[in-house]
Amino acid sequence: MTRATPALKTARRCYGHLAGEAGIVLREMLEAAGYLRLQDGAYRLTDSGRRWAETLGLETDDRDPAKYARRCLDWTEKRPHIGGRLGRALLERLIETGAIVAGEGRELRGAVAGSGSGIDFRTVLAI
C-alpha cells in the first residue's frame, strides 16, 4: 500500500474520483445540502440533488446506484467518499474550472490558498 503522504491524505484521485479529506468534505457537503443520501449501500440523488446536478450539466441517471454513485471507503480517512460516474464527473468539473489542479502522481491540490484543502466547492459546484 502507498504511504499516506500529507498531500495524498488531503486530496487525491481514486479511480478517477476525488478522495482523501477533500473527497470526504465534498460528500458531507452534498449530504448536508440535501442533494445526496445513502440508500442500500450507495448514494442516490434526492429530488433537489437531481435539479442541482442538472443545472451543472451532470448525468443524473442513477438507476444503477452502485455504478452511478457508489460508496467508496477512503483508505486514509476510513470514511466513504463518492465513487462511480457521479464521483468522476464531479472531479472532472473541479479540474475543468481550475478549482483543483493535479500534483505529482495521484495528488491533487486546490487552487484557493488558505481554505483547508484549498478547494472551493461551494462556489464551483454551487452547493
C-alpha atoms as a PDB file:
ATOM      1  CA  MET A   1       0.000   0.000   0.000  1.00  0.00           C
ATOM      2  CA  THR A   2       1.188   3.501  -0.794  1.00  0.00           C
ATOM      3  CA  ARG A   3       2.348   5.539   2.165  1.00  0.00           C
ATOM      4  CA  ALA A   4      -0.140   8.295   3.012  1.00  0.00           C
ATOM      5  CA  THR A   5       1.845  11.476   2.491  1.00  0.00           C
ATOM      6  CA  PRO A   6       0.186  14.683   3.688  1.00  0.00           C
ATOM      7  CA  ALA A   7      -0.656  15.604   0.085  1.00  0.00           C
ATOM      8  CA  LEU A   8      -2.256  12.192  -0.624  1.00  0.00           C
ATOM      9  CA  LYS A   9      -4.200  12.401   2.625  1.00  0.00           C
ATOM     10  CA  THR A  10      -5.543  15.847   1.721  1.00  0.00           C
ATOM     11  CA  ALA A  11      -6.711  15.233  -1.870  1.00  0.00           C
ATOM     12  CA  ARG A  12      -6.012  12.568  -4.477  1.00  0.00           C
ATOM     13  CA  ARG A  13      -7.515  10.616  -7.352  1.00  0.00           C
ATOM     14  CA  CYS A  14      -9.140   7.294  -6.566  1.00  0.00           C
ATOM     15  CA  TYR A  15     -10.235   5.508  -9.761  1.00  0.00           C
ATOM     16  CA  GLY A  16     -10.926   8.906 -11.303  1.00  0.00           C
ATOM     17  CA  HIS A  17     -12.885  10.423  -8.441  1.00  0.00           C
ATOM     18  CA  LEU A  18     -11.934  12.732  -5.570  1.00  0.00           C
ATOM     19  CA  ALA A  19     -10.621  11.059  -2.430  1.00  0.00           C
ATOM     20  CA  GLY A  20      -8.848  11.991   0.781  1.00  0.00           C
ATOM     21  CA  GLU A  21     -10.023  14.656   3.197  1.00  0.00           C
ATOM     22  CA  ALA A  22     -11.351  16.726   0.278  1.00  0.00           C
ATOM     23  CA  GLY A  23     -13.473  13.829  -1.007  1.00  0.00           C
ATOM     24  CA  ILE A  24     -14.992  13.326   2.439  1.00  0.00           C
ATOM     25  CA  VAL A  25     -15.747  17.049   2.758  1.00  0.00           C
ATOM     26  CA  LEU A  26     -17.427  17.079  -0.658  1.00  0.00           C
ATOM     27  CA  ARG A  27     -19.660  14.104   0.234  1.00  0.00           C
ATOM     28  CA  GLU A  28     -20.573  15.646   3.590  1.00  0.00           C
ATOM     29  CA  MET A  29     -21.440  18.966   1.930  1.00  0.00           C
ATOM     30  CA  LEU A  30     -23.701  17.282  -0.632  1.00  0.00           C
ATOM     31  CA  GLU A  31     -25.449  15.316   2.115  1.00  0.00           C
ATOM     32  CA  ALA A  32     -25.835  18.414   4.318  1.00  0.00           C
ATOM     33  CA  ALA A  33     -27.294  20.345   1.363  1.00  0.00           C
ATOM     34  CA  GLY A  34     -29.854  17.567   0.935  1.00  0.00           C
ATOM     35  CA  TYR A  35     -28.592  16.643  -2.552  1.00  0.00           C
ATOM     36  CA  LEU A  36     -27.332  13.158  -1.761  1.00  0.00           C
ATOM     37  CA  ARG A  37     -28.461  10.377   0.563  1.00  0.00           C
ATOM     38  CA  LEU A  38     -27.168   6.922   1.347  1.00  0.00           C
ATOM     39  CA  GLN A  39     -29.608   4.188   0.364  1.00  0.00           C
ATOM     40  CA  ASP A  40     -28.890   0.458   0.251  1.00  0.00           C
ATOM     41  CA  GLY A  41     -25.120   0.960   0.343  1.00  0.00           C
ATOM     42  CA  ALA A  42     -24.932   3.522  -2.487  1.00  0.00           C
ATOM     43  CA  TYR A  43     -25.628   7.229  -2.841  1.00  0.00           C
ATOM     44  CA  ARG A  44     -28.787   8.464  -4.537  1.00  0.00           C
ATOM     45  CA  LEU A  45     -29.651  11.948  -5.665  1.00  0.00           C
ATOM     46  CA  THR A  46     -32.629  13.477  -3.919  1.00  0.00           C
ATOM     47  CA  ASP A  47     -35.128  15.490  -5.955  1.00  0.00           C
ATOM     48  CA  SER A  48     -33.260  18.695  -5.119  1.00  0.00           C
ATOM     49  CA  GLY A  49     -29.969  16.908  -5.843  1.00  0.00           C
ATOM     50  CA  ARG A  50     -31.230  15.895  -9.263  1.00  0.00           C
ATOM     51  CA  ARG A  51     -32.152  19.525 -10.039  1.00  0.00           C
ATOM     52  CA  TRP A  52     -28.737  20.675  -8.750  1.00  0.00           C
ATOM     53  CA  ALA A  53     -26.905  18.107 -10.906  1.00  0.00           C
ATOM     54  CA  GLU A  54     -28.954  19.041 -13.972  1.00  0.00           C
ATOM     55  CA  THR A  55     -28.058  22.735 -13.564  1.00  0.00           C
ATOM     56  CA  LEU A  56     -24.391  21.708 -13.610  1.00  0.00           C
ATOM     57  CA  GLY A  57     -24.938  19.547 -16.683  1.00  0.00           C
ATOM     58  CA  LEU A  58     -24.126  16.349 -14.809  1.00  0.00           C
ATOM     59  CA  GLU A  59     -25.646  12.997 -15.665  1.00  0.00           C
ATOM     60  CA  THR A  60     -28.487  12.119 -13.305  1.00  0.00           C
ATOM     61  CA  ASP A  61     -29.357   8.563 -14.347  1.00  0.00           C
ATOM     62  CA  ASP A  62     -28.881   6.733 -11.053  1.00  0.00           C
ATOM     63  CA  ARG A  63     -30.964   3.649 -11.860  1.00  0.00           C
ATOM     64  CA  ASP A  64     -27.857   1.586 -11.098  1.00  0.00           C
ATOM     65  CA  PRO A  65     -26.688   3.317  -7.896  1.00  0.00           C
ATOM     66  CA  ALA A  66     -23.603   1.125  -7.479  1.00  0.00           C
ATOM     67  CA  LYS A  67     -22.252   2.391 -10.802  1.00  0.00           C
ATOM     68  CA  TYR A  68     -23.624   5.922 -10.547  1.00  0.00           C
ATOM     69  CA  ALA A  69     -22.532   6.968  -7.055  1.00  0.00           C
ATOM     70  CA  ARG A  70     -21.052   4.112  -5.139  1.00  0.00           C
ATOM     71  CA  ARG A  71     -19.891   4.352  -1.566  1.00  0.00           C
ATOM     72  CA  CYS A  72     -16.085   4.139  -1.788  1.00  0.00           C
ATOM     73  CA  LEU A  73     -14.246   3.644   1.512  1.00  0.00           C
ATOM     74  CA  ASP A  74     -11.367   6.085   1.696  1.00  0.00           C
ATOM     75  CA  TRP A  75      -8.156   4.295   2.701  1.00  0.00           C
ATOM     76  CA  THR A  76      -6.653   7.239   4.578  1.00  0.00           C
ATOM     77  CA  GLU A  77      -9.809   8.574   6.217  1.00  0.00           C
ATOM     78  CA  LYS A  78     -11.646   5.265   6.807  1.00  0.00           C
ATOM     79  CA  ARG A  79     -14.860   7.018   5.780  1.00  0.00           C
ATOM     80  CA  PRO A  80     -16.657   6.945   2.427  1.00  0.00           C
ATOM     81  CA  HIS A  81     -16.314   9.342  -0.448  1.00  0.00           C
ATOM     82  CA  ILE A  82     -18.342   9.351  -3.690  1.00  0.00           C
ATOM     83  CA  GLY A  83     -17.225   6.903  -6.369  1.00  0.00           C
ATOM     84  CA  GLY A  84     -18.773   5.902  -9.663  1.00  0.00           C
ATOM     85  CA  ARG A  85     -19.879   8.111 -12.554  1.00  0.00           C
ATOM     86  CA  LEU A  86     -21.006  10.960 -10.309  1.00  0.00           C
ATOM     87  CA  GLY A  87     -17.695  10.975  -8.430  1.00  0.00           C
ATOM     88  CA  ARG A  88     -15.750  11.087 -11.702  1.00  0.00           C
ATOM     89  CA  ALA A  89     -17.988  13.820 -13.139  1.00  0.00           C
ATOM     90  CA  LEU A  90     -17.555  15.985 -10.035  1.00  0.00           C
ATOM     91  CA  LEU A  91     -13.771  15.679 -10.141  1.00  0.00           C
ATOM     92  CA  GLU A  92     -13.757  16.433 -13.878  1.00  0.00           C
ATOM     93  CA  ARG A  93     -15.828  19.574 -13.235  1.00  0.00           C
ATOM     94  CA  LEU A  94     -13.479  20.695 -10.453  1.00  0.00           C
ATOM     95  CA  ILE A  95     -10.454  20.221 -12.729  1.00  0.00           C
ATOM     96  CA  GLU A  96     -12.144  21.925 -15.733  1.00  0.00           C
ATOM     97  CA  THR A  97     -12.916  25.005 -13.644  1.00  0.00           C
ATOM     98  CA  GLY A  98      -9.412  25.129 -12.206  1.00  0.00           C
ATOM     99  CA  ALA A  99     -10.636  24.611  -8.639  1.00  0.00           C
ATOM    100  CA  ILE A 100      -8.377  21.549  -8.481  1.00  0.00           C
ATOM    101  CA  VAL A 101      -5.016  21.102 -10.120  1.00  0.00           C
ATOM    102  CA  ALA A 102      -3.057  17.896 -10.491  1.00  0.00           C
ATOM    103  CA  GLY A 103       0.071  17.382  -8.456  1.00  0.00           C
ATOM    104  CA  GLU A 104       2.519  14.500  -8.680  1.00  0.00           C
ATOM    105  CA  GLY A 105       1.044  11.075  -9.384  1.00  0.00           C
ATOM    106  CA  ARG A 106      -2.427  10.860  -7.845  1.00  0.00           C
ATOM    107  CA  GLU A 107      -2.012  14.014  -5.761  1.00  0.00           C
ATOM    108  CA  LEU A 108      -4.463  16.871  -6.234  1.00  0.00           C
ATOM    109  CA  ARG A 109      -4.480  20.325  -4.718  1.00  0.00           C
ATOM    110  CA  GLY A 110      -6.902  23.161  -4.525  1.00  0.00           C
ATOM    111  CA  ALA A 111      -6.353  26.412  -6.319  1.00  0.00           C
ATOM    112  CA  VAL A 112      -7.623  28.598  -3.426  1.00  0.00           C
ATOM    113  CA  ALA A 113      -4.928  29.129  -0.821  1.00  0.00           C
ATOM    114  CA  GLY A 114      -5.862  29.174   2.851  1.00  0.00           C
ATOM    115  CA  SER A 115      -9.116  27.216   2.646  1.00  0.00           C
ATOM    116  CA  GLY A 116      -8.155  23.873   4.149  1.00  0.00           C
ATOM    117  CA  SER A 117      -7.733  21.678   1.115  1.00  0.00           C
ATOM    118  CA  GLY A 118      -7.855  24.843  -0.967  1.00  0.00           C
ATOM    119  CA  ILE A 119     -10.897  23.622  -2.886  1.00  0.00           C
ATOM    120  CA  ASP A 120     -13.843  25.995  -3.172  1.00  0.00           C
ATOM    121  CA  PHE A 121     -16.706  23.503  -3.522  1.00  0.00           C
ATOM    122  CA  ARG A 122     -19.462  25.975  -2.637  1.00  0.00           C
ATOM    123  CA  THR A 123     -18.670  28.399  -5.433  1.00  0.00           C
ATOM    124  CA  VAL A 124     -17.552  25.989  -8.153  1.00  0.00           C
ATOM    125  CA  LEU A 125     -20.302  23.390  -7.599  1.00  0.00           C
ATOM    126  CA  ALA A 126     -22.998  25.786  -6.326  1.00  0.00           C
ATOM    127  CA  ILE A 127     -23.551  23.757  -3.152  1.00  0.00           C
END
